[in-house]
PDB file of all heavy atoms in Angstrom:
ATOM      1  N   ARG A   1     164.047  68.739 -46.858  1.00  0.00           N
ATOM      2  CA  ARG A   1     165.155  69.659 -46.301  1.00  0.00           C
ATOM      3  C   ARG A   1     165.754  70.341 -47.504  1.00  0.00           C
ATOM      4  O   ARG A   1     165.538  70.106 -48.659  1.00  0.00           O
ATOM      5  CB  ARG A   1     166.226  68.960 -45.568  1.00  0.00           C
ATOM      6  CG  ARG A   1     167.000  67.975 -46.364  1.00  0.00           C
ATOM      7  CD  ARG A   1     167.941  67.119 -45.413  1.00  0.00           C
ATOM      8  NE  ARG A   1     168.824  66.312 -46.268  1.00  0.00           N
ATOM      9  CZ  ARG A   1     168.560  65.255 -47.135  1.00  0.00           C
ATOM     10  NH1 ARG A   1     167.189  64.898 -47.140  1.00  0.00           N
ATOM     11  NH2 ARG A   1     169.448  64.692 -47.777  1.00  0.00           N
ATOM     12  N   LEU A   2     166.503  71.484 -47.190  1.00  0.00           N
ATOM     13  CA  LEU A   2     167.217  72.097 -48.200  1.00  0.00           C
ATOM     14  C   LEU A   2     168.393  71.253 -48.710  1.00  0.00           C
ATOM     15  O   LEU A   2     169.164  70.758 -47.851  1.00  0.00           O
ATOM     16  CB  LEU A   2     167.811  73.484 -47.605  1.00  0.00           C
ATOM     17  CG  LEU A   2     166.741  74.544 -47.264  1.00  0.00           C
ATOM     18  CD1 LEU A   2     167.437  75.706 -46.606  1.00  0.00           C
ATOM     19  CD2 LEU A   2     165.944  74.940 -48.445  1.00  0.00           C
ATOM     20  N   VAL A   3     168.462  71.204 -49.963  1.00  0.00           N
ATOM     21  CA  VAL A   3     169.561  70.364 -50.647  1.00  0.00           C
ATOM     22  C   VAL A   3     170.065  71.155 -51.788  1.00  0.00           C
ATOM     23  O   VAL A   3     169.227  71.705 -52.582  1.00  0.00           O
ATOM     24  CB  VAL A   3     169.046  68.946 -51.143  1.00  0.00           C
ATOM     25  CG1 VAL A   3     170.042  68.189 -51.778  1.00  0.00           C
ATOM     26  CG2 VAL A   3     168.420  68.228 -50.008  1.00  0.00           C
ATOM     27  N   PRO A   4     171.290  71.115 -52.101  1.00  0.00           N
ATOM     28  CA  PRO A   4     171.753  71.847 -53.382  1.00  0.00           C
ATOM     29  C   PRO A   4     171.117  71.234 -54.555  1.00  0.00           C
ATOM     30  O   PRO A   4     171.117  70.007 -54.797  1.00  0.00           O
ATOM     31  CB  PRO A   4     173.290  71.589 -53.342  1.00  0.00           C
ATOM     32  CG  PRO A   4     173.643  71.399 -51.842  1.00  0.00           C
ATOM     33  CD  PRO A   4     172.479  70.665 -51.349  1.00  0.00           C
ATOM     34  N   ALA A   5     170.650  72.036 -55.405  1.00  0.00           N
ATOM     35  CA  ALA A   5     169.928  71.675 -56.647  1.00  0.00           C
ATOM     36  C   ALA A   5     170.950  70.775 -57.473  1.00  0.00           C
ATOM     37  O   ALA A   5     170.487  69.814 -58.160  1.00  0.00           O
ATOM     38  CB  ALA A   5     169.515  72.838 -57.485  1.00  0.00           C
ATOM     39  N   ALA A   6     172.229  71.096 -57.520  1.00  0.00           N
ATOM     40  CA  ALA A   6     173.192  70.455 -58.354  1.00  0.00           C
ATOM     41  C   ALA A   6     173.284  69.021 -57.887  1.00  0.00           C
ATOM     42  O   ALA A   6     173.396  68.091 -58.755  1.00  0.00           O
ATOM     43  CB  ALA A   6     174.610  71.082 -58.211  1.00  0.00           C
ATOM     44  N   SER A   7     173.205  68.662 -56.564  1.00  0.00           N
ATOM     45  CA  SER A   7     173.203  67.351 -56.031  1.00  0.00           C
ATOM     46  C   SER A   7     172.043  66.583 -56.524  1.00  0.00           C
ATOM     47  O   SER A   7     172.145  65.325 -56.904  1.00  0.00           O
ATOM     48  CB  SER A   7     173.219  67.334 -54.472  1.00  0.00           C
ATOM     49  OG  SER A   7     174.323  67.967 -54.014  1.00  0.00           O
ATOM     50  N   VAL A   8     170.833  67.174 -56.563  1.00  0.00           N
ATOM     51  CA  VAL A   8     169.738  66.407 -57.009  1.00  0.00           C
ATOM     52  C   VAL A   8     169.784  66.218 -58.544  1.00  0.00           C
ATOM     53  O   VAL A   8     169.421  65.099 -58.946  1.00  0.00           O
ATOM     54  CB  VAL A   8     168.405  67.280 -56.654  1.00  0.00           C
ATOM     55  CG1 VAL A   8     167.197  66.643 -57.209  1.00  0.00           C
ATOM     56  CG2 VAL A   8     168.256  67.475 -55.175  1.00  0.00           C
ATOM     57  N   ARG A   9     170.254  67.175 -59.320  1.00  0.00           N
ATOM     58  CA  ARG A   9     170.342  66.977 -60.768  1.00  0.00           C
ATOM     59  C   ARG A   9     171.316  65.845 -61.151  1.00  0.00           C
ATOM     60  O   ARG A   9     171.078  65.034 -61.938  1.00  0.00           O
ATOM     61  CB  ARG A   9     171.014  68.318 -61.370  1.00  0.00           C
ATOM     62  CG  ARG A   9     169.869  69.342 -61.610  1.00  0.00           C
ATOM     63  CD  ARG A   9     170.328  70.356 -62.599  1.00  0.00           C
ATOM     64  NE  ARG A   9     171.574  71.012 -62.047  1.00  0.00           N
ATOM     65  CZ  ARG A   9     171.619  72.132 -61.354  1.00  0.00           C
ATOM     66  NH1 ARG A   9     170.472  72.767 -61.018  1.00  0.00           N
ATOM     67  NH2 ARG A   9     172.634  72.733 -61.093  1.00  0.00           N
ATOM     68  N   ASP A  10     172.444  65.716 -60.347  1.00  0.00           N
ATOM     69  CA  ASP A  10     173.413  64.678 -60.599  1.00  0.00           C
ATOM     70  C   ASP A  10     172.713  63.215 -60.378  1.00  0.00           C
ATOM     71  O   ASP A  10     173.067  62.320 -61.118  1.00  0.00           O
ATOM     72  CB  ASP A  10     174.549  64.743 -59.587  1.00  0.00           C
ATOM     73  CG  ASP A  10     175.452  66.018 -60.066  1.00  0.00           C
ATOM     74  OD1 ASP A  10     175.316  66.531 -61.250  1.00  0.00           O
ATOM     75  OD2 ASP A  10     176.272  66.427 -59.256  1.00  0.00           O
ATOM     76  N   VAL A  11     171.974  63.146 -59.405  1.00  0.00           N
ATOM     77  CA  VAL A  11     171.279  61.932 -59.078  1.00  0.00           C
ATOM     78  C   VAL A  11     170.120  61.501 -60.049  1.00  0.00           C
ATOM     79  O   VAL A  11     170.060  60.414 -60.482  1.00  0.00           O
ATOM     80  CB  VAL A  11     170.789  61.897 -57.539  1.00  0.00           C
ATOM     81  CG1 VAL A  11     169.899  60.584 -57.446  1.00  0.00           C
ATOM     82  CG2 VAL A  11     171.903  61.984 -56.650  1.00  0.00           C
ATOM     83  N   VAL A  12     169.401  62.567 -60.470  1.00  0.00           N
ATOM     84  CA  VAL A  12     168.281  62.405 -61.277  1.00  0.00           C
ATOM     85  C   VAL A  12     168.619  62.108 -62.885  1.00  0.00           C
ATOM     86  O   VAL A  12     167.967  61.410 -63.575  1.00  0.00           O
ATOM     87  CB  VAL A  12     167.274  63.578 -61.167  1.00  0.00           C
ATOM     88  CG1 VAL A  12     166.172  63.467 -62.230  1.00  0.00           C
ATOM     89  CG2 VAL A  12     166.668  63.540 -59.775  1.00  0.00           C
ATOM     90  N   ARG A  13     169.801  62.803 -63.247  1.00  0.00           N
ATOM     91  CA  ARG A  13     170.146  62.774 -64.634  1.00  0.00           C
ATOM     92  C   ARG A  13     170.053  61.418 -65.293  1.00  0.00           C
ATOM     93  O   ARG A  13     169.579  61.274 -66.295  1.00  0.00           O
ATOM     94  CB  ARG A  13     171.509  63.473 -64.772  1.00  0.00           C
ATOM     95  CG  ARG A  13     171.796  63.684 -66.328  1.00  0.00           C
ATOM     96  CD  ARG A  13     173.118  64.465 -66.456  1.00  0.00           C
ATOM     97  NE  ARG A  13     172.983  65.783 -65.998  1.00  0.00           N
ATOM     98  CZ  ARG A  13     173.662  66.298 -65.004  1.00  0.00           C
ATOM     99  NH1 ARG A  13     174.415  65.554 -64.136  1.00  0.00           N
ATOM    100  NH2 ARG A  13     173.516  67.574 -64.542  1.00  0.00           N
ATOM    101  N   PRO A  14     170.752  60.368 -64.637  1.00  0.00           N
ATOM    102  CA  PRO A  14     170.664  59.036 -65.298  1.00  0.00           C
ATOM    103  C   PRO A  14     169.243  58.453 -65.651  1.00  0.00           C
ATOM    104  O   PRO A  14     169.083  57.734 -66.485  1.00  0.00           O
ATOM    105  CB  PRO A  14     171.506  58.224 -64.506  1.00  0.00           C
ATOM    106  CG  PRO A  14     172.334  59.078 -63.689  1.00  0.00           C
ATOM    107  CD  PRO A  14     171.559  60.428 -63.481  1.00  0.00           C
ATOM    108  N   LEU A  15     168.461  58.894 -64.670  1.00  0.00           N
ATOM    109  CA  LEU A  15     166.974  58.308 -64.747  1.00  0.00           C
ATOM    110  C   LEU A  15     166.258  58.919 -65.847  1.00  0.00           C
ATOM    111  O   LEU A  15     165.195  58.281 -66.390  1.00  0.00           O
ATOM    112  CB  LEU A  15     166.296  58.569 -63.502  1.00  0.00           C
ATOM    113  CG  LEU A  15     166.875  58.142 -62.223  1.00  0.00           C
ATOM    114  CD1 LEU A  15     166.136  58.495 -60.936  1.00  0.00           C
ATOM    115  CD2 LEU A  15     167.049  56.596 -62.263  1.00  0.00           C
ATOM    116  N   ARG A  16     166.702  60.101 -66.469  1.00  0.00           N
ATOM    117  CA  ARG A  16     166.054  60.704 -67.646  1.00  0.00           C
ATOM    118  C   ARG A  16     166.023  59.902 -68.908  1.00  0.00           C
ATOM    119  O   ARG A  16     165.411  60.065 -69.834  1.00  0.00           O
ATOM    120  CB  ARG A  16     166.576  62.120 -67.763  1.00  0.00           C
ATOM    121  CG  ARG A  16     166.267  62.968 -66.592  1.00  0.00           C
ATOM    122  CD  ARG A  16     166.724  64.364 -66.903  1.00  0.00           C
ATOM    123  NE  ARG A  16     166.187  65.149 -68.003  1.00  0.00           N
ATOM    124  CZ  ARG A  16     164.998  65.677 -67.973  1.00  0.00           C
ATOM    125  NH1 ARG A  16     164.208  65.700 -66.964  1.00  0.00           N
ATOM    126  NH2 ARG A  16     164.492  66.281 -69.099  1.00  0.00           N
ATOM    127  N   ALA A  17     166.979  58.805 -68.870  1.00  0.00           N
ATOM    128  CA  ALA A  17     167.169  58.005 -70.074  1.00  0.00           C
ATOM    129  C   ALA A  17     166.236  56.816 -70.079  1.00  0.00           C
ATOM    130  O   ALA A  17     166.090  56.027 -71.058  1.00  0.00           O
ATOM    131  CB  ALA A  17     168.598  57.609 -70.205  1.00  0.00           C
ATOM    132  N   LEU A  18     165.526  56.543 -68.912  1.00  0.00           N
ATOM    133  CA  LEU A  18     164.652  55.458 -68.931  1.00  0.00           C
ATOM    134  C   LEU A  18     163.470  55.597 -69.870  1.00  0.00           C
ATOM    135  O   LEU A  18     163.101  56.729 -69.996  1.00  0.00           O
ATOM    136  CB  LEU A  18     164.069  55.207 -67.550  1.00  0.00           C
ATOM    137  CG  LEU A  18     165.127  54.859 -66.469  1.00  0.00           C
ATOM    138  CD1 LEU A  18     164.481  54.935 -65.048  1.00  0.00           C
ATOM    139  CD2 LEU A  18     165.688  53.497 -66.689  1.00  0.00           C
ATOM    140  N   GLU A  19     162.894  54.576 -70.301  1.00  0.00           N
ATOM    141  CA  GLU A  19     161.853  54.545 -71.178  1.00  0.00           C
ATOM    142  C   GLU A  19     160.600  54.942 -70.503  1.00  0.00           C
ATOM    143  O   GLU A  19     160.435  54.655 -69.262  1.00  0.00           O
ATOM    144  CB  GLU A  19     161.656  53.233 -72.034  1.00  0.00           C
ATOM    145  CG  GLU A  19     162.656  52.876 -72.914  1.00  0.00           C
ATOM    146  CD  GLU A  19     162.580  53.908 -74.168  1.00  0.00           C
ATOM    147  OE1 GLU A  19     161.475  54.278 -74.567  1.00  0.00           O
ATOM    148  OE2 GLU A  19     163.841  54.292 -74.678  1.00  0.00           O
ATOM    149  N   ALA A  20     159.621  55.540 -71.149  1.00  0.00           N
ATOM    150  CA  ALA A  20     158.332  55.924 -70.468  1.00  0.00           C
ATOM    151  C   ALA A  20     157.549  54.713 -70.204  1.00  0.00           C
ATOM    152  O   ALA A  20     157.642  53.700 -70.873  1.00  0.00           O
ATOM    153  CB  ALA A  20     157.636  56.850 -71.426  1.00  0.00           C
ATOM    154  N   VAL A  21     156.842  54.677 -69.150  1.00  0.00           N
ATOM    155  CA  VAL A  21     155.818  53.687 -68.833  1.00  0.00           C
ATOM    156  C   VAL A  21     154.387  54.235 -69.040  1.00  0.00           C
ATOM    157  O   VAL A  21     154.200  55.448 -68.931  1.00  0.00           O
ATOM    158  CB  VAL A  21     156.003  53.140 -67.356  1.00  0.00           C
ATOM    159  CG1 VAL A  21     157.413  52.443 -67.227  1.00  0.00           C
ATOM    160  CG2 VAL A  21     155.875  54.316 -66.340  1.00  0.00           C
ATOM    161  N   GLU A  22     153.436  53.389 -69.461  1.00  0.00           N
ATOM    162  CA  GLU A  22     152.067  53.819 -69.777  1.00  0.00           C
ATOM    163  C   GLU A  22     151.105  53.221 -68.789  1.00  0.00           C
ATOM    164  O   GLU A  22     151.299  52.015 -68.322  1.00  0.00           O
ATOM    165  CB  GLU A  22     151.913  53.370 -71.309  1.00  0.00           C
ATOM    166  CG  GLU A  22     150.733  54.028 -71.864  1.00  0.00           C
ATOM    167  CD  GLU A  22     150.820  54.017 -73.395  1.00  0.00           C
ATOM    168  OE1 GLU A  22     151.961  53.671 -73.896  1.00  0.00           O
ATOM    169  OE2 GLU A  22     149.765  54.145 -74.066  1.00  0.00           O
ATOM    170  N   THR A  23     150.077  53.978 -68.490  1.00  0.00           N
ATOM    171  CA  THR A  23     149.054  53.548 -67.728  1.00  0.00           C
ATOM    172  C   THR A  23     147.764  54.105 -68.068  1.00  0.00           C
ATOM    173  O   THR A  23     147.643  55.209 -68.804  1.00  0.00           O
ATOM    174  CB  THR A  23     149.267  53.940 -66.208  1.00  0.00           C
ATOM    175  OG1 THR A  23     148.310  53.266 -65.356  1.00  0.00           O
ATOM    176  CG2 THR A  23     149.246  55.341 -66.009  1.00  0.00           C
ATOM    177  N   GLU A  24     146.670  53.428 -67.865  1.00  0.00           N
ATOM    178  CA  GLU A  24     145.210  53.865 -68.315  1.00  0.00           C
ATOM    179  C   GLU A  24     144.622  54.614 -67.259  1.00  0.00           C
ATOM    180  O   GLU A  24     144.635  54.206 -66.027  1.00  0.00           O
ATOM    181  CB  GLU A  24     144.399  52.673 -68.748  1.00  0.00           C
ATOM    182  CG  GLU A  24     143.097  52.997 -69.473  1.00  0.00           C
ATOM    183  CD  GLU A  24     143.422  53.517 -70.888  1.00  0.00           C
ATOM    184  OE1 GLU A  24     144.483  53.396 -71.481  1.00  0.00           O
ATOM    185  OE2 GLU A  24     142.305  53.670 -71.507  1.00  0.00           O
ATOM    186  N   VAL A  25     144.095  55.812 -67.539  1.00  0.00           N
ATOM    187  CA  VAL A  25     143.296  56.557 -66.557  1.00  0.00           C
ATOM    188  C   VAL A  25     141.766  56.405 -66.925  1.00  0.00           C
ATOM    189  O   VAL A  25     141.281  56.719 -68.023  1.00  0.00           O
ATOM    190  CB  VAL A  25     143.695  58.025 -66.772  1.00  0.00           C
ATOM    191  CG1 VAL A  25     142.780  58.946 -65.857  1.00  0.00           C
ATOM    192  CG2 VAL A  25     145.210  58.254 -66.496  1.00  0.00           C
ATOM    193  N   ARG A  26     141.032  55.799 -65.928  1.00  0.00           N
ATOM    194  CA  ARG A  26     139.686  55.515 -66.127  1.00  0.00           C
ATOM    195  C   ARG A  26     138.762  56.261 -65.112  1.00  0.00           C
ATOM    196  O   ARG A  26     137.589  56.218 -65.135  1.00  0.00           O
ATOM    197  CB  ARG A  26     139.481  53.930 -66.008  1.00  0.00           C
ATOM    198  CG  ARG A  26     140.223  53.110 -66.943  1.00  0.00           C
ATOM    199  CD  ARG A  26     139.994  51.602 -66.921  1.00  0.00           C
ATOM    200  NE  ARG A  26     140.792  50.802 -67.759  1.00  0.00           N
ATOM    201  CZ  ARG A  26     140.441  50.479 -69.026  1.00  0.00           C
ATOM    202  NH1 ARG A  26     139.286  50.932 -69.397  1.00  0.00           N
ATOM    203  NH2 ARG A  26     141.276  49.738 -69.744  1.00  0.00           N
ATOM    204  N   GLN A  27     139.443  56.836 -64.023  1.00  0.00           N
ATOM    205  CA  GLN A  27     138.567  57.401 -63.046  1.00  0.00           C
ATOM    206  C   GLN A  27     139.370  58.700 -62.502  1.00  0.00           C
ATOM    207  O   GLN A  27     140.487  58.885 -62.658  1.00  0.00           O
ATOM    208  CB  GLN A  27     138.482  56.538 -61.806  1.00  0.00           C
ATOM    209  CG  GLN A  27     137.599  55.264 -61.976  1.00  0.00           C
ATOM    210  CD  GLN A  27     137.457  54.380 -60.811  1.00  0.00           C
ATOM    211  OE1 GLN A  27     138.433  54.275 -60.024  1.00  0.00           O
ATOM    212  NE2 GLN A  27     136.398  53.855 -60.588  1.00  0.00           N
ATOM    213  N   VAL A  28     138.512  59.550 -62.088  1.00  0.00           N
ATOM    214  CA  VAL A  28     138.941  60.935 -61.446  1.00  0.00           C
ATOM    215  C   VAL A  28     138.271  60.957 -59.984  1.00  0.00           C
ATOM    216  O   VAL A  28     137.069  60.635 -59.864  1.00  0.00           O
ATOM    217  CB  VAL A  28     138.688  62.062 -62.180  1.00  0.00           C
ATOM    218  CG1 VAL A  28     139.058  63.428 -61.406  1.00  0.00           C
ATOM    219  CG2 VAL A  28     139.283  61.984 -63.539  1.00  0.00           C
ATOM    220  N   HIS A  29     138.900  61.217 -58.953  1.00  0.00           N
ATOM    221  CA  HIS A  29     138.357  61.287 -57.532  1.00  0.00           C
ATOM    222  C   HIS A  29     138.318  62.645 -57.127  1.00  0.00           C
ATOM    223  O   HIS A  29     139.342  63.505 -57.187  1.00  0.00           O
ATOM    224  CB  HIS A  29     139.218  60.408 -56.702  1.00  0.00           C
ATOM    225  CG  HIS A  29     139.375  59.071 -57.138  1.00  0.00           C
ATOM    226  ND1 HIS A  29     138.445  58.019 -57.203  1.00  0.00           N
ATOM    227  CD2 HIS A  29     140.585  58.437 -57.597  1.00  0.00           C
ATOM    228  CE1 HIS A  29     138.941  56.975 -57.706  1.00  0.00           C
ATOM    229  NE2 HIS A  29     140.321  57.153 -58.074  1.00  0.00           N
ATOM    230  N   ILE A  30     137.302  63.079 -56.432  1.00  0.00           N
ATOM    231  CA  ILE A  30     137.222  64.140 -55.507  1.00  0.00           C
ATOM    232  C   ILE A  30     137.579  63.641 -54.123  1.00  0.00           C
ATOM    233  O   ILE A  30     136.946  62.800 -53.663  1.00  0.00           O
ATOM    234  CB  ILE A  30     135.808  64.810 -55.422  1.00  0.00           C
ATOM    235  CG1 ILE A  30     135.472  65.379 -56.929  1.00  0.00           C
ATOM    236  CG2 ILE A  30     135.750  65.958 -54.519  1.00  0.00           C
ATOM    237  CD1 ILE A  30     134.111  65.874 -57.065  1.00  0.00           C
ATOM    238  N   VAL A  31     138.561  64.224 -53.618  1.00  0.00           N
ATOM    239  CA  VAL A  31     139.180  63.743 -52.284  1.00  0.00           C
ATOM    240  C   VAL A  31     139.203  64.766 -51.258  1.00  0.00           C
ATOM    241  O   VAL A  31     139.315  65.948 -51.508  1.00  0.00           O
ATOM    242  CB  VAL A  31     140.521  63.115 -52.509  1.00  0.00           C
ATOM    243  CG1 VAL A  31     140.488  62.011 -53.537  1.00  0.00           C
ATOM    244  CG2 VAL A  31     141.627  64.166 -52.716  1.00  0.00           C
ATOM    245  N   GLU A  32     139.253  64.351 -49.966  1.00  0.00           N
ATOM    246  CA  GLU A  32     139.551  65.132 -48.834  1.00  0.00           C
ATOM    247  C   GLU A  32     141.095  64.823 -48.536  1.00  0.00           C
ATOM    248  O   GLU A  32     141.382  63.740 -48.133  1.00  0.00           O
ATOM    249  CB  GLU A  32     138.806  64.846 -47.566  1.00  0.00           C
ATOM    250  CG  GLU A  32     139.145  65.803 -46.409  1.00  0.00           C
ATOM    251  CD  GLU A  32     138.367  65.615 -45.229  1.00  0.00           C
ATOM    252  OE1 GLU A  32     137.888  64.453 -45.018  1.00  0.00           O
ATOM    253  OE2 GLU A  32     137.945  66.627 -44.430  1.00  0.00           O
ATOM    254  N   LEU A  33     141.885  65.873 -48.910  1.00  0.00           N
ATOM    255  CA  LEU A  33     143.443  65.673 -48.835  1.00  0.00           C
ATOM    256  C   LEU A  33     144.052  66.080 -47.460  1.00  0.00           C
ATOM    257  O   LEU A  33     143.450  67.133 -46.937  1.00  0.00           O
ATOM    258  CB  LEU A  33     144.023  66.469 -49.916  1.00  0.00           C
ATOM    259  CG  LEU A  33     145.526  66.253 -50.126  1.00  0.00           C
ATOM    260  CD1 LEU A  33     145.942  64.812 -50.667  1.00  0.00           C
ATOM    261  CD2 LEU A  33     145.976  67.308 -51.165  1.00  0.00           C
ATOM    262  N   ARG A  34     144.933  65.430 -46.934  1.00  0.00           N
ATOM    263  CA  ARG A  34     145.510  65.798 -45.731  1.00  0.00           C
ATOM    264  C   ARG A  34     147.265  65.625 -45.782  1.00  0.00           C
ATOM    265  O   ARG A  34     147.513  64.729 -46.420  1.00  0.00           O
ATOM    266  CB  ARG A  34     145.103  65.118 -44.525  1.00  0.00           C
ATOM    267  CG  ARG A  34     145.301  63.611 -44.506  1.00  0.00           C
ATOM    268  CD  ARG A  34     144.535  62.977 -43.256  1.00  0.00           C
ATOM    269  NE  ARG A  34     144.857  61.497 -43.274  1.00  0.00           N
ATOM    270  CZ  ARG A  34     144.203  60.552 -43.888  1.00  0.00           C
ATOM    271  NH1 ARG A  34     143.098  60.913 -44.632  1.00  0.00           N
ATOM    272  NH2 ARG A  34     144.585  59.327 -43.854  1.00  0.00           N
ATOM    273  N   ARG A  35     147.911  66.452 -45.143  1.00  0.00           N
ATOM    274  CA  ARG A  35     149.306  66.316 -45.278  1.00  0.00           C
ATOM    275  C   ARG A  35     149.744  65.702 -43.960  1.00  0.00           C
ATOM    276  O   ARG A  35     149.542  66.272 -42.815  1.00  0.00           O
ATOM    277  CB  ARG A  35     149.947  67.753 -45.345  1.00  0.00           C
ATOM    278  CG  ARG A  35     151.518  67.700 -45.406  1.00  0.00           C
ATOM    279  CD  ARG A  35     152.049  67.028 -46.745  1.00  0.00           C
ATOM    280  NE  ARG A  35     153.401  67.370 -46.970  1.00  0.00           N
ATOM    281  CZ  ARG A  35     154.350  66.503 -47.103  1.00  0.00           C
ATOM    282  NH1 ARG A  35     154.068  65.141 -47.031  1.00  0.00           N
ATOM    283  NH2 ARG A  35     155.491  66.895 -47.325  1.00  0.00           N
ATOM    284  N   GLU A  36     150.275  64.402 -44.038  1.00  0.00           N
ATOM    285  CA  GLU A  36     150.865  63.671 -42.863  1.00  0.00           C
ATOM    286  C   GLU A  36     152.432  64.031 -42.945  1.00  0.00           C
ATOM    287  O   GLU A  36     153.003  64.652 -43.744  1.00  0.00           O
ATOM    288  CB  GLU A  36     150.530  62.315 -42.989  1.00  0.00           C
ATOM    289  CG  GLU A  36     148.933  62.056 -42.748  1.00  0.00           C
ATOM    290  CD  GLU A  36     148.566  60.580 -42.784  1.00  0.00           C
ATOM    291  OE1 GLU A  36     149.437  59.745 -42.944  1.00  0.00           O
ATOM    292  OE2 GLU A  36     147.376  60.303 -42.428  1.00  0.00           O
ATOM    293  N   PRO A  37     152.959  63.562 -41.772  1.00  0.00           N
ATOM    294  CA  PRO A  37     154.440  63.976 -41.735  1.00  0.00           C
ATOM    295  C   PRO A  37     155.347  63.554 -42.920  1.00  0.00           C
ATOM    296  O   PRO A  37     156.321  64.206 -43.262  1.00  0.00           O
ATOM    297  CB  PRO A  37     154.873  63.100 -40.456  1.00  0.00           C
ATOM    298  CG  PRO A  37     153.716  62.981 -39.635  1.00  0.00           C
ATOM    299  CD  PRO A  37     152.461  62.909 -40.586  1.00  0.00           C
ATOM    300  N   LEU A  38     155.125  62.453 -43.621  1.00  0.00           N
ATOM    301  CA  LEU A  38     155.890  62.033 -44.653  1.00  0.00           C
ATOM    302  C   LEU A  38     155.268  62.037 -46.009  1.00  0.00           C
ATOM    303  O   LEU A  38     155.877  61.658 -47.041  1.00  0.00           O
ATOM    304  CB  LEU A  38     156.560  60.680 -44.345  1.00  0.00           C
ATOM    305  CG  LEU A  38     157.390  60.576 -43.083  1.00  0.00           C
ATOM    306  CD1 LEU A  38     157.821  59.122 -42.802  1.00  0.00           C
ATOM    307  CD2 LEU A  38     158.527  61.492 -43.064  1.00  0.00           C
TER     308      LEU A  38
END
């Protein structure tokens, strides 16, 4: 839904200080994508 950008920034800002997490990428997929309600 429409939300003021400032509200999102305020909530997200503390999360920007978290350390990065790392993962290994070993595969790429060709997929049939669909948009469901959520």
